[in-house]
Amino acid sequence: MTRGNVIIRFLVTAALPAVLQAQSASAPAVDGALLPLPQPLRPSATVVRLNASNQPEVLRKGTNGMVCIADRPNDDRFDVRCYRDIFIPVVYRAFQLGYTVSGPKVGDEIKAGKLRVPSEPTAGYRCLGPIAGYDARRQSVDSRIECWQSIHFPFRTAAELGLPDEADVPEAQQQTIPYVMSSGNYWAHVMIRHPAPAPSAH
C-alpha cells in the first residue's frame, strides 16, 4: 500500500464516525416525516427539512415522487406533511412568504407566471398536533394528532368536483365525509380525514 493510499484510508476512517453520527441524528426526523404516508409509499419517498430561510435541505433522497417535510425541532407542535414533487414548490413558496397553508402573495405569483401549479390532481398527506402526541422512540402518534389526506385540484370549485364546501359541512361530519377546502383557490383540495397511521417499520 502506498503512502498516499494510507493517508486517504486514514482520512476516510477518521471521517466515518461523524458521517454515521449525522445519519443517526437524521433517522428519527426521516421516520417521523414519513408517518403521514401510507406504508407502501414510505420506503421510496424523499424527506427534506426546511432551514431558517425555509429552503429545503434533503435528508433522504427518494424515487417515487413524494416529498415529505420533517417536523421543525424544538417547538410544541408535531407537524409533518408530504406532497407530490410537482406540487411541493408551491408549499415551499408559501412557507417562504410567511404562510403555513396558503395566502394571497402565493396566488399573485401564480397569476404572474412566477410559480407553476400543476394542472393534474396531486395527493398530499399531513399529521398535526401537540408534540406530546408523538412518540419519537416508537415512531407513532396517538389520538391527539390529527391526520388527513388531501387531493389537490388547483382552482377547481366544490361544485365542479361534486363535493360539499367546507363551509356547508358541520364540524362533526368533517371527520366522516370528504369535503372541499379553499374552493376555487390555487390551494383547492378535497379533505379526507383518517385515523392515526401505523408506526414506522423502523
N, C-alpha and C. Protein backbone atom coordinates (compact mmCIF):
# COMPACT_ATOMS: atom_id res chain seq x y z
N MET A 1 0.84 -1.19 0.00
CA MET A 1 0.00 0.00 0.00
C MET A 1 0.89 1.25 0.00
N THR A 2 0.60 2.18 -0.89
CA THR A 2 1.41 3.39 -0.98
C THR A 2 1.08 4.33 0.15
N ARG A 3 2.01 5.29 0.34
CA ARG A 3 1.81 6.28 1.41
C ARG A 3 0.55 7.10 1.15
N GLY A 4 0.28 7.41 -0.16
CA GLY A 4 -0.93 8.18 -0.48
C GLY A 4 -2.20 7.43 -0.12
N ASN A 5 -2.20 6.10 -0.40
CA ASN A 5 -3.38 5.30 -0.06
C ASN A 5 -3.58 5.22 1.44
N VAL A 6 -2.50 5.16 2.18
CA VAL A 6 -2.59 5.13 3.64
C VAL A 6 -3.23 6.40 4.16
N ILE A 7 -2.80 7.53 3.61
CA ILE A 7 -3.35 8.82 4.05
C ILE A 7 -4.84 8.90 3.73
N ILE A 8 -5.24 8.49 2.50
CA ILE A 8 -6.65 8.53 2.11
C ILE A 8 -7.47 7.64 3.02
N ARG A 9 -6.96 6.43 3.27
CA ARG A 9 -7.68 5.50 4.14
C ARG A 9 -7.85 6.07 5.54
N PHE A 10 -6.81 6.74 6.03
CA PHE A 10 -6.88 7.35 7.36
C PHE A 10 -7.94 8.44 7.40
N LEU A 11 -7.97 9.29 6.35
CA LEU A 11 -8.94 10.39 6.32
C LEU A 11 -10.37 9.87 6.26
N VAL A 12 -10.59 8.84 5.43
CA VAL A 12 -11.93 8.25 5.32
C VAL A 12 -12.36 7.64 6.65
N THR A 13 -11.45 6.89 7.27
CA THR A 13 -11.76 6.25 8.55
C THR A 13 -12.03 7.27 9.63
N ALA A 14 -11.27 8.38 9.64
CA ALA A 14 -11.46 9.42 10.64
C ALA A 14 -12.79 10.13 10.46
N ALA A 15 -13.22 10.26 9.21
CA ALA A 15 -14.47 10.98 8.94
C ALA A 15 -15.70 10.12 9.16
N LEU A 16 -15.54 8.79 9.13
CA LEU A 16 -16.68 7.89 9.20
C LEU A 16 -17.55 8.07 10.43
N PRO A 17 -16.99 8.19 11.65
CA PRO A 17 -17.86 8.38 12.82
C PRO A 17 -18.76 9.60 12.71
N ALA A 18 -18.25 10.70 12.16
CA ALA A 18 -19.06 11.90 12.02
C ALA A 18 -20.20 11.68 11.03
N VAL A 19 -19.91 10.95 9.94
CA VAL A 19 -20.95 10.64 8.95
C VAL A 19 -22.03 9.78 9.56
N LEU A 20 -21.61 8.72 10.28
CA LEU A 20 -22.58 7.84 10.92
C LEU A 20 -23.40 8.57 11.97
N GLN A 21 -22.76 9.49 12.70
CA GLN A 21 -23.48 10.26 13.71
C GLN A 21 -24.53 11.15 13.05
N ALA A 22 -24.20 11.76 11.92
CA ALA A 22 -25.15 12.62 11.21
C ALA A 22 -26.33 11.80 10.70
N GLN A 23 -26.03 10.59 10.15
CA GLN A 23 -27.10 9.73 9.67
C GLN A 23 -28.00 9.29 10.82
N SER A 24 -27.39 8.95 11.96
CA SER A 24 -28.15 8.54 13.12
C SER A 24 -29.04 9.66 13.63
N ALA A 25 -28.52 10.89 13.62
CA ALA A 25 -29.29 12.04 14.11
C ALA A 25 -30.48 12.34 13.23
N SER A 26 -30.34 12.10 11.90
CA SER A 26 -31.42 12.43 10.98
C SER A 26 -32.45 11.32 10.87
N ALA A 27 -32.12 10.10 11.30
CA ALA A 27 -33.02 8.97 11.14
C ALA A 27 -34.38 9.18 11.81
N PRO A 28 -34.46 9.64 13.07
CA PRO A 28 -35.78 9.88 13.66
C PRO A 28 -36.57 10.94 12.91
N ALA A 29 -35.90 11.98 12.43
CA ALA A 29 -36.59 13.02 11.67
C ALA A 29 -37.17 12.46 10.38
N VAL A 30 -36.41 11.58 9.73
CA VAL A 30 -36.88 10.95 8.50
C VAL A 30 -38.09 10.06 8.78
N ASP A 31 -37.98 9.21 9.77
CA ASP A 31 -39.09 8.30 10.09
C ASP A 31 -40.34 9.07 10.50
N GLY A 32 -40.16 10.12 11.29
CA GLY A 32 -41.31 10.92 11.71
C GLY A 32 -41.97 11.62 10.53
N ALA A 33 -41.16 12.11 9.59
CA ALA A 33 -41.71 12.81 8.42
C ALA A 33 -42.52 11.88 7.54
N LEU A 34 -42.21 10.60 7.55
CA LEU A 34 -42.89 9.63 6.69
C LEU A 34 -44.21 9.14 7.26
N LEU A 35 -44.49 9.44 8.53
CA LEU A 35 -45.68 8.89 9.18
C LEU A 35 -47.00 9.19 8.46
N PRO A 36 -47.19 10.38 7.86
CA PRO A 36 -48.48 10.62 7.19
C PRO A 36 -48.74 9.72 6.00
N LEU A 37 -47.67 9.20 5.38
CA LEU A 37 -47.82 8.42 4.16
C LEU A 37 -48.34 7.01 4.44
N PRO A 38 -49.09 6.44 3.50
CA PRO A 38 -49.41 5.00 3.59
C PRO A 38 -48.10 4.20 3.54
N GLN A 39 -48.11 3.06 4.21
CA GLN A 39 -46.89 2.25 4.31
C GLN A 39 -46.21 1.98 2.96
N PRO A 40 -46.95 1.64 1.88
CA PRO A 40 -46.26 1.32 0.62
C PRO A 40 -45.47 2.48 0.03
N LEU A 41 -45.81 3.72 0.40
CA LEU A 41 -45.13 4.88 -0.17
C LEU A 41 -43.91 5.32 0.62
N ARG A 42 -43.77 4.85 1.85
CA ARG A 42 -42.71 5.36 2.73
C ARG A 42 -41.29 5.02 2.29
N PRO A 43 -41.00 3.78 1.86
CA PRO A 43 -39.61 3.43 1.58
C PRO A 43 -38.95 4.26 0.49
N SER A 44 -39.73 4.79 -0.46
CA SER A 44 -39.13 5.47 -1.62
C SER A 44 -39.40 6.96 -1.65
N ALA A 45 -39.91 7.54 -0.56
CA ALA A 45 -40.20 8.97 -0.53
C ALA A 45 -38.97 9.79 -0.18
N THR A 46 -38.88 10.98 -0.72
CA THR A 46 -37.84 11.94 -0.35
C THR A 46 -38.24 12.64 0.94
N VAL A 47 -37.26 12.94 1.79
CA VAL A 47 -37.52 13.67 3.03
C VAL A 47 -36.62 14.90 3.07
N VAL A 48 -37.22 16.05 3.36
CA VAL A 48 -36.46 17.29 3.48
C VAL A 48 -36.77 17.94 4.82
N ARG A 49 -35.90 18.86 5.20
CA ARG A 49 -36.16 19.72 6.36
C ARG A 49 -35.98 21.16 5.91
N LEU A 50 -36.88 22.04 6.33
CA LEU A 50 -36.77 23.45 5.98
C LEU A 50 -35.82 24.14 6.94
N ASN A 51 -34.85 24.88 6.39
CA ASN A 51 -33.89 25.58 7.24
C ASN A 51 -34.47 26.91 7.72
N ALA A 52 -33.66 27.74 8.33
CA ALA A 52 -34.13 29.00 8.90
C ALA A 52 -34.72 29.94 7.85
N SER A 53 -34.29 29.76 6.59
CA SER A 53 -34.82 30.59 5.49
C SER A 53 -35.93 29.88 4.74
N ASN A 54 -36.41 28.77 5.29
CA ASN A 54 -37.45 27.95 4.68
C ASN A 54 -37.04 27.41 3.32
N GLN A 55 -35.75 27.16 3.17
CA GLN A 55 -35.24 26.47 2.00
C GLN A 55 -35.10 24.98 2.34
N PRO A 56 -35.49 24.09 1.42
CA PRO A 56 -35.43 22.65 1.73
C PRO A 56 -34.01 22.10 1.69
N GLU A 57 -33.69 21.32 2.70
CA GLU A 57 -32.41 20.60 2.74
C GLU A 57 -32.74 19.10 2.77
N VAL A 58 -32.20 18.36 1.84
CA VAL A 58 -32.55 16.94 1.68
C VAL A 58 -31.92 16.10 2.79
N LEU A 59 -32.77 15.37 3.50
CA LEU A 59 -32.30 14.41 4.50
C LEU A 59 -32.19 13.01 3.91
N ARG A 60 -33.08 12.72 2.94
CA ARG A 60 -33.04 11.43 2.26
C ARG A 60 -33.62 11.60 0.87
N LYS A 61 -32.91 11.13 -0.13
CA LYS A 61 -33.38 11.21 -1.50
C LYS A 61 -34.23 10.01 -1.83
N GLY A 62 -35.42 10.23 -2.40
CA GLY A 62 -36.31 9.15 -2.76
C GLY A 62 -36.49 9.04 -4.26
N THR A 63 -37.39 8.13 -4.65
CA THR A 63 -37.57 7.85 -6.08
C THR A 63 -39.02 7.82 -6.53
N ASN A 64 -39.99 7.92 -5.62
CA ASN A 64 -41.39 7.73 -6.03
C ASN A 64 -42.16 9.03 -6.25
N GLY A 65 -41.48 10.17 -6.17
CA GLY A 65 -42.16 11.43 -6.45
C GLY A 65 -42.83 12.08 -5.26
N MET A 66 -42.87 11.42 -4.10
CA MET A 66 -43.44 12.03 -2.91
C MET A 66 -42.32 12.70 -2.10
N VAL A 67 -42.63 13.90 -1.58
CA VAL A 67 -41.65 14.66 -0.80
C VAL A 67 -42.27 14.99 0.55
N CYS A 68 -41.62 14.59 1.63
CA CYS A 68 -42.12 14.83 2.98
C CYS A 68 -41.26 15.88 3.68
N ILE A 69 -41.92 16.80 4.37
CA ILE A 69 -41.23 17.85 5.12
C ILE A 69 -41.18 17.44 6.59
N ALA A 70 -39.98 17.31 7.12
CA ALA A 70 -39.80 16.88 8.51
C ALA A 70 -40.29 17.93 9.49
N ASP A 71 -40.60 17.46 10.68
CA ASP A 71 -41.05 18.34 11.75
C ASP A 71 -39.95 19.32 12.16
N ARG A 72 -40.35 20.54 12.47
CA ARG A 72 -39.38 21.51 12.98
C ARG A 72 -39.03 21.14 14.43
N PRO A 73 -37.75 21.06 14.76
CA PRO A 73 -37.38 20.70 16.13
C PRO A 73 -37.59 21.85 17.10
N ASN A 74 -37.67 21.51 18.37
CA ASN A 74 -37.66 22.49 19.46
C ASN A 74 -38.87 23.42 19.47
N ASP A 75 -40.03 22.90 19.08
CA ASP A 75 -41.26 23.67 19.29
C ASP A 75 -42.30 22.73 19.91
N ASP A 76 -43.51 23.24 20.14
CA ASP A 76 -44.51 22.44 20.86
C ASP A 76 -45.49 21.73 19.95
N ARG A 77 -45.19 21.70 18.63
CA ARG A 77 -46.09 21.04 17.69
C ARG A 77 -45.38 19.93 16.93
N PHE A 78 -46.15 18.90 16.61
CA PHE A 78 -45.69 17.89 15.65
C PHE A 78 -46.42 18.17 14.36
N ASP A 79 -45.69 18.54 13.32
CA ASP A 79 -46.30 18.95 12.06
C ASP A 79 -45.46 18.40 10.91
N VAL A 80 -45.95 17.36 10.26
CA VAL A 80 -45.26 16.76 9.12
C VAL A 80 -46.24 16.64 7.96
N ARG A 81 -45.72 16.82 6.76
CA ARG A 81 -46.59 16.79 5.58
C ARG A 81 -45.83 16.29 4.37
N CYS A 82 -46.57 15.70 3.44
CA CYS A 82 -45.98 15.13 2.23
C CYS A 82 -46.82 15.53 1.02
N TYR A 83 -46.14 15.87 -0.08
CA TYR A 83 -46.81 16.25 -1.31
C TYR A 83 -46.05 15.68 -2.50
N ARG A 84 -46.68 15.69 -3.66
CA ARG A 84 -46.02 15.30 -4.89
C ARG A 84 -44.94 16.31 -5.24
N ASP A 85 -43.89 15.82 -5.90
CA ASP A 85 -42.77 16.70 -6.23
C ASP A 85 -43.17 17.84 -7.17
N ILE A 86 -44.21 17.66 -7.98
CA ILE A 86 -44.63 18.72 -8.89
C ILE A 86 -45.46 19.79 -8.19
N PHE A 87 -45.93 19.48 -6.96
CA PHE A 87 -46.71 20.45 -6.20
C PHE A 87 -45.92 21.07 -5.06
N ILE A 88 -44.86 20.39 -4.61
CA ILE A 88 -44.13 20.84 -3.42
C ILE A 88 -43.53 22.24 -3.56
N PRO A 89 -43.14 22.72 -4.77
CA PRO A 89 -42.63 24.10 -4.84
C PRO A 89 -43.63 25.14 -4.37
N VAL A 90 -44.92 24.87 -4.55
CA VAL A 90 -45.95 25.79 -4.07
C VAL A 90 -45.94 25.84 -2.55
N VAL A 91 -45.74 24.68 -1.92
CA VAL A 91 -45.70 24.60 -0.46
C VAL A 91 -44.47 25.34 0.07
N TYR A 92 -43.31 25.09 -0.55
CA TYR A 92 -42.10 25.80 -0.14
C TYR A 92 -42.30 27.31 -0.22
N ARG A 93 -42.87 27.76 -1.32
CA ARG A 93 -43.04 29.20 -1.52
C ARG A 93 -43.98 29.79 -0.48
N ALA A 94 -45.03 29.04 -0.13
CA ALA A 94 -45.95 29.52 0.90
C ALA A 94 -45.22 29.73 2.22
N PHE A 95 -44.36 28.80 2.58
CA PHE A 95 -43.56 28.95 3.80
C PHE A 95 -42.64 30.16 3.70
N GLN A 96 -42.00 30.31 2.56
CA GLN A 96 -41.04 31.40 2.39
C GLN A 96 -41.70 32.78 2.45
N LEU A 97 -42.98 32.83 2.10
CA LEU A 97 -43.72 34.09 2.15
C LEU A 97 -44.45 34.28 3.48
N GLY A 98 -44.23 33.35 4.40
CA GLY A 98 -44.78 33.51 5.73
C GLY A 98 -46.12 32.86 5.97
N TYR A 99 -46.53 31.94 5.08
CA TYR A 99 -47.80 31.26 5.25
C TYR A 99 -47.55 29.78 5.53
N THR A 100 -48.32 29.23 6.44
CA THR A 100 -48.19 27.80 6.70
C THR A 100 -49.11 26.98 5.81
N VAL A 101 -50.12 27.59 5.21
CA VAL A 101 -51.04 26.86 4.34
C VAL A 101 -51.15 27.55 2.98
N SER A 102 -51.70 28.73 2.97
CA SER A 102 -51.89 29.43 1.71
C SER A 102 -51.96 30.92 1.99
N GLY A 103 -51.93 31.71 0.92
CA GLY A 103 -52.00 33.16 1.11
C GLY A 103 -52.05 33.88 -0.23
N PRO A 104 -52.51 35.13 -0.22
CA PRO A 104 -52.67 35.86 -1.48
C PRO A 104 -51.38 36.12 -2.24
N LYS A 105 -50.25 36.25 -1.53
CA LYS A 105 -48.99 36.52 -2.23
C LYS A 105 -48.60 35.35 -3.12
N VAL A 106 -48.87 34.13 -2.65
CA VAL A 106 -48.59 32.95 -3.46
C VAL A 106 -49.48 32.96 -4.69
N GLY A 107 -50.75 33.26 -4.49
CA GLY A 107 -51.68 33.34 -5.61
C GLY A 107 -51.26 34.39 -6.62
N ASP A 108 -50.74 35.52 -6.14
CA ASP A 108 -50.29 36.58 -7.06
C ASP A 108 -49.11 36.09 -7.90
N GLU A 109 -48.18 35.34 -7.30
CA GLU A 109 -47.04 34.83 -8.05
C GLU A 109 -47.47 33.79 -9.08
N ILE A 110 -48.49 33.02 -8.75
CA ILE A 110 -49.02 32.05 -9.71
C ILE A 110 -49.66 32.77 -10.89
N LYS A 111 -50.45 33.80 -10.60
CA LYS A 111 -51.10 34.56 -11.68
C LYS A 111 -50.09 35.26 -12.56
N ALA A 112 -48.97 35.70 -11.97
CA ALA A 112 -47.94 36.41 -12.72
C ALA A 112 -47.03 35.45 -13.49
N GLY A 113 -47.23 34.14 -13.32
CA GLY A 113 -46.41 33.16 -14.02
C GLY A 113 -45.07 32.89 -13.38
N LYS A 114 -44.85 33.41 -12.17
CA LYS A 114 -43.58 33.19 -11.48
C LYS A 114 -43.52 31.82 -10.82
N LEU A 115 -44.69 31.25 -10.56
CA LEU A 115 -44.78 29.97 -9.85
C LEU A 115 -45.78 29.10 -10.57
N ARG A 116 -45.41 27.87 -10.88
CA ARG A 116 -46.28 26.97 -11.62
C ARG A 116 -47.06 26.06 -10.68
N VAL A 117 -48.34 25.91 -11.00
CA VAL A 117 -49.17 24.96 -10.28
C VAL A 117 -49.57 23.86 -11.26
N PRO A 118 -49.38 22.60 -10.88
CA PRO A 118 -49.73 21.53 -11.82
C PRO A 118 -51.22 21.51 -12.13
N SER A 119 -51.55 21.17 -13.34
CA SER A 119 -52.96 21.13 -13.73
C SER A 119 -53.64 19.83 -13.33
N GLU A 120 -52.84 18.76 -13.16
CA GLU A 120 -53.42 17.48 -12.79
C GLU A 120 -53.57 17.36 -11.27
N PRO A 121 -54.49 16.53 -10.82
CA PRO A 121 -54.66 16.33 -9.36
C PRO A 121 -53.41 15.71 -8.75
N THR A 122 -53.11 16.10 -7.52
CA THR A 122 -51.98 15.53 -6.78
C THR A 122 -52.41 15.28 -5.34
N ALA A 123 -51.74 14.32 -4.71
CA ALA A 123 -52.10 13.93 -3.34
C ALA A 123 -51.19 14.61 -2.32
N GLY A 124 -51.77 14.88 -1.16
CA GLY A 124 -51.00 15.38 -0.03
C GLY A 124 -51.39 14.63 1.22
N TYR A 125 -50.50 14.61 2.22
CA TYR A 125 -50.76 13.92 3.48
C TYR A 125 -50.18 14.77 4.60
N ARG A 126 -50.88 14.80 5.74
CA ARG A 126 -50.37 15.61 6.85
C ARG A 126 -50.79 15.03 8.19
N CYS A 127 -49.93 15.19 9.20
CA CYS A 127 -50.26 14.90 10.60
C CYS A 127 -49.88 16.13 11.41
N LEU A 128 -50.78 16.55 12.31
CA LEU A 128 -50.60 17.79 13.04
C LEU A 128 -51.19 17.67 14.44
N GLY A 129 -50.45 18.16 15.43
CA GLY A 129 -50.97 18.17 16.79
C GLY A 129 -49.88 18.52 17.78
N PRO A 130 -50.19 18.44 19.08
CA PRO A 130 -49.19 18.76 20.11
C PRO A 130 -48.05 17.75 20.09
N ILE A 131 -46.85 18.22 20.36
CA ILE A 131 -45.67 17.35 20.31
C ILE A 131 -45.79 16.19 21.30
N ALA A 132 -46.58 16.38 22.35
CA ALA A 132 -46.76 15.31 23.33
C ALA A 132 -47.48 14.10 22.74
N GLY A 133 -48.16 14.28 21.60
CA GLY A 133 -48.87 13.18 20.97
C GLY A 133 -48.01 12.34 20.05
N TYR A 134 -46.73 12.70 19.94
CA TYR A 134 -45.80 12.00 19.05
C TYR A 134 -44.75 11.28 19.88
N ASP A 135 -44.59 9.98 19.65
CA ASP A 135 -43.59 9.17 20.34
C ASP A 135 -42.44 8.91 19.37
N ALA A 136 -41.34 9.65 19.55
CA ALA A 136 -40.21 9.54 18.62
C ALA A 136 -39.53 8.17 18.73
N ARG A 137 -39.54 7.58 19.91
CA ARG A 137 -38.87 6.29 20.09
C ARG A 137 -39.60 5.19 19.33
N ARG A 138 -40.92 5.19 19.41
CA ARG A 138 -41.71 4.18 18.72
C ARG A 138 -42.14 4.61 17.32
N GLN A 139 -41.87 5.86 16.99
CA GLN A 139 -42.31 6.43 15.72
C GLN A 139 -43.80 6.20 15.50
N SER A 140 -44.58 6.73 16.46
CA SER A 140 -46.03 6.59 16.40
C SER A 140 -46.68 7.85 16.95
N VAL A 141 -47.96 8.02 16.66
CA VAL A 141 -48.73 9.14 17.19
C VAL A 141 -49.99 8.61 17.85
N ASP A 142 -50.53 9.40 18.78
CA ASP A 142 -51.78 8.99 19.43
C ASP A 142 -52.93 9.88 18.95
N SER A 143 -54.06 9.77 19.62
CA SER A 143 -55.28 10.44 19.16
C SER A 143 -55.21 11.97 19.25
N ARG A 144 -54.19 12.50 19.92
CA ARG A 144 -54.04 13.95 19.97
C ARG A 144 -53.55 14.53 18.65
N ILE A 145 -53.01 13.68 17.80
CA ILE A 145 -52.51 14.09 16.49
C ILE A 145 -53.58 13.83 15.44
N GLU A 146 -53.98 14.85 14.71
CA GLU A 146 -54.92 14.70 13.61
C GLU A 146 -54.16 14.39 12.33
N CYS A 147 -54.68 13.46 11.53
CA CYS A 147 -54.06 13.12 10.26
C CYS A 147 -55.11 13.14 9.15
N TRP A 148 -54.67 13.52 7.96
CA TRP A 148 -55.60 13.56 6.83
C TRP A 148 -54.85 13.44 5.52
N GLN A 149 -55.62 13.11 4.49
CA GLN A 149 -55.13 13.09 3.13
C GLN A 149 -55.83 14.21 2.38
N SER A 150 -55.14 14.83 1.46
CA SER A 150 -55.75 15.88 0.63
C SER A 150 -55.48 15.58 -0.84
N ILE A 151 -56.48 15.76 -1.66
CA ILE A 151 -56.32 15.62 -3.10
C ILE A 151 -56.47 17.02 -3.69
N HIS A 152 -55.39 17.54 -4.26
CA HIS A 152 -55.36 18.93 -4.70
C HIS A 152 -55.83 19.07 -6.14
N PHE A 153 -56.81 19.98 -6.32
CA PHE A 153 -57.37 20.31 -7.62
C PHE A 153 -57.30 21.83 -7.78
N PRO A 154 -56.13 22.39 -8.09
CA PRO A 154 -55.98 23.86 -8.12
C PRO A 154 -57.04 24.56 -8.95
N PHE A 155 -57.65 25.57 -8.33
CA PHE A 155 -58.63 26.47 -8.94
C PHE A 155 -59.97 25.82 -9.26
N ARG A 156 -60.15 24.57 -8.89
CA ARG A 156 -61.47 23.94 -9.09
C ARG A 156 -62.35 24.25 -7.89
N THR A 157 -63.65 24.31 -8.13
CA THR A 157 -64.59 24.61 -7.06
C THR A 157 -65.24 23.34 -6.54
N ALA A 158 -65.85 23.45 -5.36
CA ALA A 158 -66.55 22.30 -4.78
C ALA A 158 -67.67 21.84 -5.71
N ALA A 159 -68.36 22.80 -6.31
CA ALA A 159 -69.46 22.44 -7.23
C ALA A 159 -68.94 21.68 -8.44
N GLU A 160 -67.79 22.08 -8.97
CA GLU A 160 -67.21 21.39 -10.13
C GLU A 160 -66.82 19.97 -9.78
N LEU A 161 -66.36 19.77 -8.56
CA LEU A 161 -65.93 18.44 -8.14
C LEU A 161 -67.07 17.58 -7.63
N GLY A 162 -68.24 18.18 -7.41
CA GLY A 162 -69.39 17.42 -6.93
C GLY A 162 -69.28 17.03 -5.47
N LEU A 163 -68.61 17.90 -4.68
CA LEU A 163 -68.44 17.64 -3.25
C LEU A 163 -68.88 18.88 -2.46
N PRO A 164 -69.26 18.70 -1.19
CA PRO A 164 -69.66 19.86 -0.39
C PRO A 164 -68.48 20.75 -0.05
N ASP A 165 -68.76 22.04 0.09
CA ASP A 165 -67.77 23.00 0.54
C ASP A 165 -67.61 22.88 2.05
N GLU A 166 -66.42 23.18 2.53
CA GLU A 166 -66.14 23.12 3.97
C GLU A 166 -67.17 23.91 4.78
N ALA A 167 -67.56 25.08 4.27
CA ALA A 167 -68.48 25.94 5.00
C ALA A 167 -69.86 25.31 5.17
N ASP A 168 -70.20 24.34 4.35
CA ASP A 168 -71.52 23.72 4.39
C ASP A 168 -71.55 22.41 5.17
N VAL A 169 -70.39 22.00 5.71
CA VAL A 169 -70.31 20.71 6.42
C VAL A 169 -70.12 20.96 7.91
N PRO A 170 -71.05 20.52 8.76
CA PRO A 170 -70.86 20.67 10.20
C PRO A 170 -69.56 20.02 10.65
N GLU A 171 -68.93 20.61 11.65
CA GLU A 171 -67.61 20.13 12.09
C GLU A 171 -67.63 18.64 12.45
N ALA A 172 -68.72 18.19 13.08
CA ALA A 172 -68.79 16.79 13.48
C ALA A 172 -68.76 15.86 12.27
N GLN A 173 -69.33 16.30 11.15
CA GLN A 173 -69.37 15.47 9.95
C GLN A 173 -68.07 15.53 9.15
N GLN A 174 -67.22 16.51 9.44
CA GLN A 174 -65.97 16.64 8.70
C GLN A 174 -65.02 15.48 8.99
N GLN A 175 -65.30 14.74 10.05
CA GLN A 175 -64.47 13.58 10.37
C GLN A 175 -64.87 12.35 9.58
N THR A 176 -66.02 12.41 8.90
CA THR A 176 -66.55 11.19 8.28
C THR A 176 -66.79 11.31 6.79
N ILE A 177 -66.86 12.53 6.22
CA ILE A 177 -67.11 12.66 4.78
C ILE A 177 -66.07 13.58 4.14
N PRO A 178 -65.74 13.36 2.87
CA PRO A 178 -64.83 14.27 2.17
C PRO A 178 -65.52 15.60 1.90
N TYR A 179 -64.74 16.66 1.90
CA TYR A 179 -65.27 17.99 1.57
C TYR A 179 -64.14 18.82 0.98
N VAL A 180 -64.49 19.96 0.40
CA VAL A 180 -63.50 20.78 -0.29
C VAL A 180 -63.13 22.00 0.53
N MET A 181 -61.84 22.22 0.69
CA MET A 181 -61.33 23.43 1.32
C MET A 181 -60.73 24.34 0.25
N SER A 182 -60.77 25.64 0.50
CA SER A 182 -60.20 26.65 -0.41
C SER A 182 -60.77 26.51 -1.82
N SER A 183 -62.08 26.32 -1.90
CA SER A 183 -62.74 26.14 -3.19
C SER A 183 -62.42 27.30 -4.14
N GLY A 184 -61.99 26.96 -5.36
CA GLY A 184 -61.69 27.96 -6.37
C GLY A 184 -60.31 28.59 -6.27
N ASN A 185 -59.59 28.28 -5.21
CA ASN A 185 -58.26 28.85 -4.95
C ASN A 185 -57.18 27.91 -5.51
N TYR A 186 -55.94 28.41 -5.62
CA TYR A 186 -54.85 27.53 -6.03
C TYR A 186 -54.64 26.39 -5.04
N TRP A 187 -55.11 26.58 -3.79
CA TRP A 187 -54.95 25.58 -2.73
C TRP A 187 -56.19 24.68 -2.61
N ALA A 188 -57.10 24.73 -3.58
CA ALA A 188 -58.33 23.94 -3.51
C ALA A 188 -57.99 22.45 -3.41
N HIS A 189 -58.60 21.80 -2.42
CA HIS A 189 -58.32 20.38 -2.23
C HIS A 189 -59.46 19.68 -1.51
N VAL A 190 -59.56 18.39 -1.76
CA VAL A 190 -60.52 17.53 -1.07
C VAL A 190 -59.86 17.03 0.20
N MET A 191 -60.54 17.21 1.32
CA MET A 191 -60.04 16.74 2.62
C MET A 191 -60.63 15.37 2.94
N ILE A 192 -59.75 14.43 3.30
CA ILE A 192 -60.17 13.09 3.71
C ILE A 192 -59.47 12.78 5.02
N ARG A 193 -60.18 12.85 6.11
CA ARG A 193 -59.60 12.59 7.42
C ARG A 193 -59.57 11.08 7.69
N HIS A 194 -58.57 10.64 8.43
CA HIS A 194 -58.44 9.22 8.71
C HIS A 194 -57.77 9.01 10.07
N PRO A 195 -57.85 7.80 10.62
CA PRO A 195 -57.23 7.53 11.92
C PRO A 195 -55.71 7.71 11.86
N ALA A 196 -55.10 7.75 13.02
CA ALA A 196 -53.64 7.88 13.11
C ALA A 196 -52.98 6.74 12.34
N PRO A 197 -51.90 7.02 11.61
CA PRO A 197 -51.23 5.98 10.82
C PRO A 197 -50.49 4.99 11.69
N ALA A 198 -50.17 3.84 11.09
CA ALA A 198 -49.39 2.82 11.79
C ALA A 198 -47.97 3.33 12.02
N PRO A 199 -47.30 2.84 13.07
CA PRO A 199 -45.91 3.25 13.31
C PRO A 199 -45.01 2.91 12.13
N SER A 200 -43.89 3.63 12.08
CA SER A 200 -42.89 3.34 11.06
C SER A 200 -42.32 1.96 11.27
N ALA A 201 -41.97 1.29 10.17
CA ALA A 201 -41.38 -0.04 10.25
C ALA A 201 -40.01 0.00 10.90
N HIS A 202 -39.39 1.21 10.97
CA HIS A 202 -38.06 1.35 11.57
C HIS A 202 -38.16 1.65 13.06
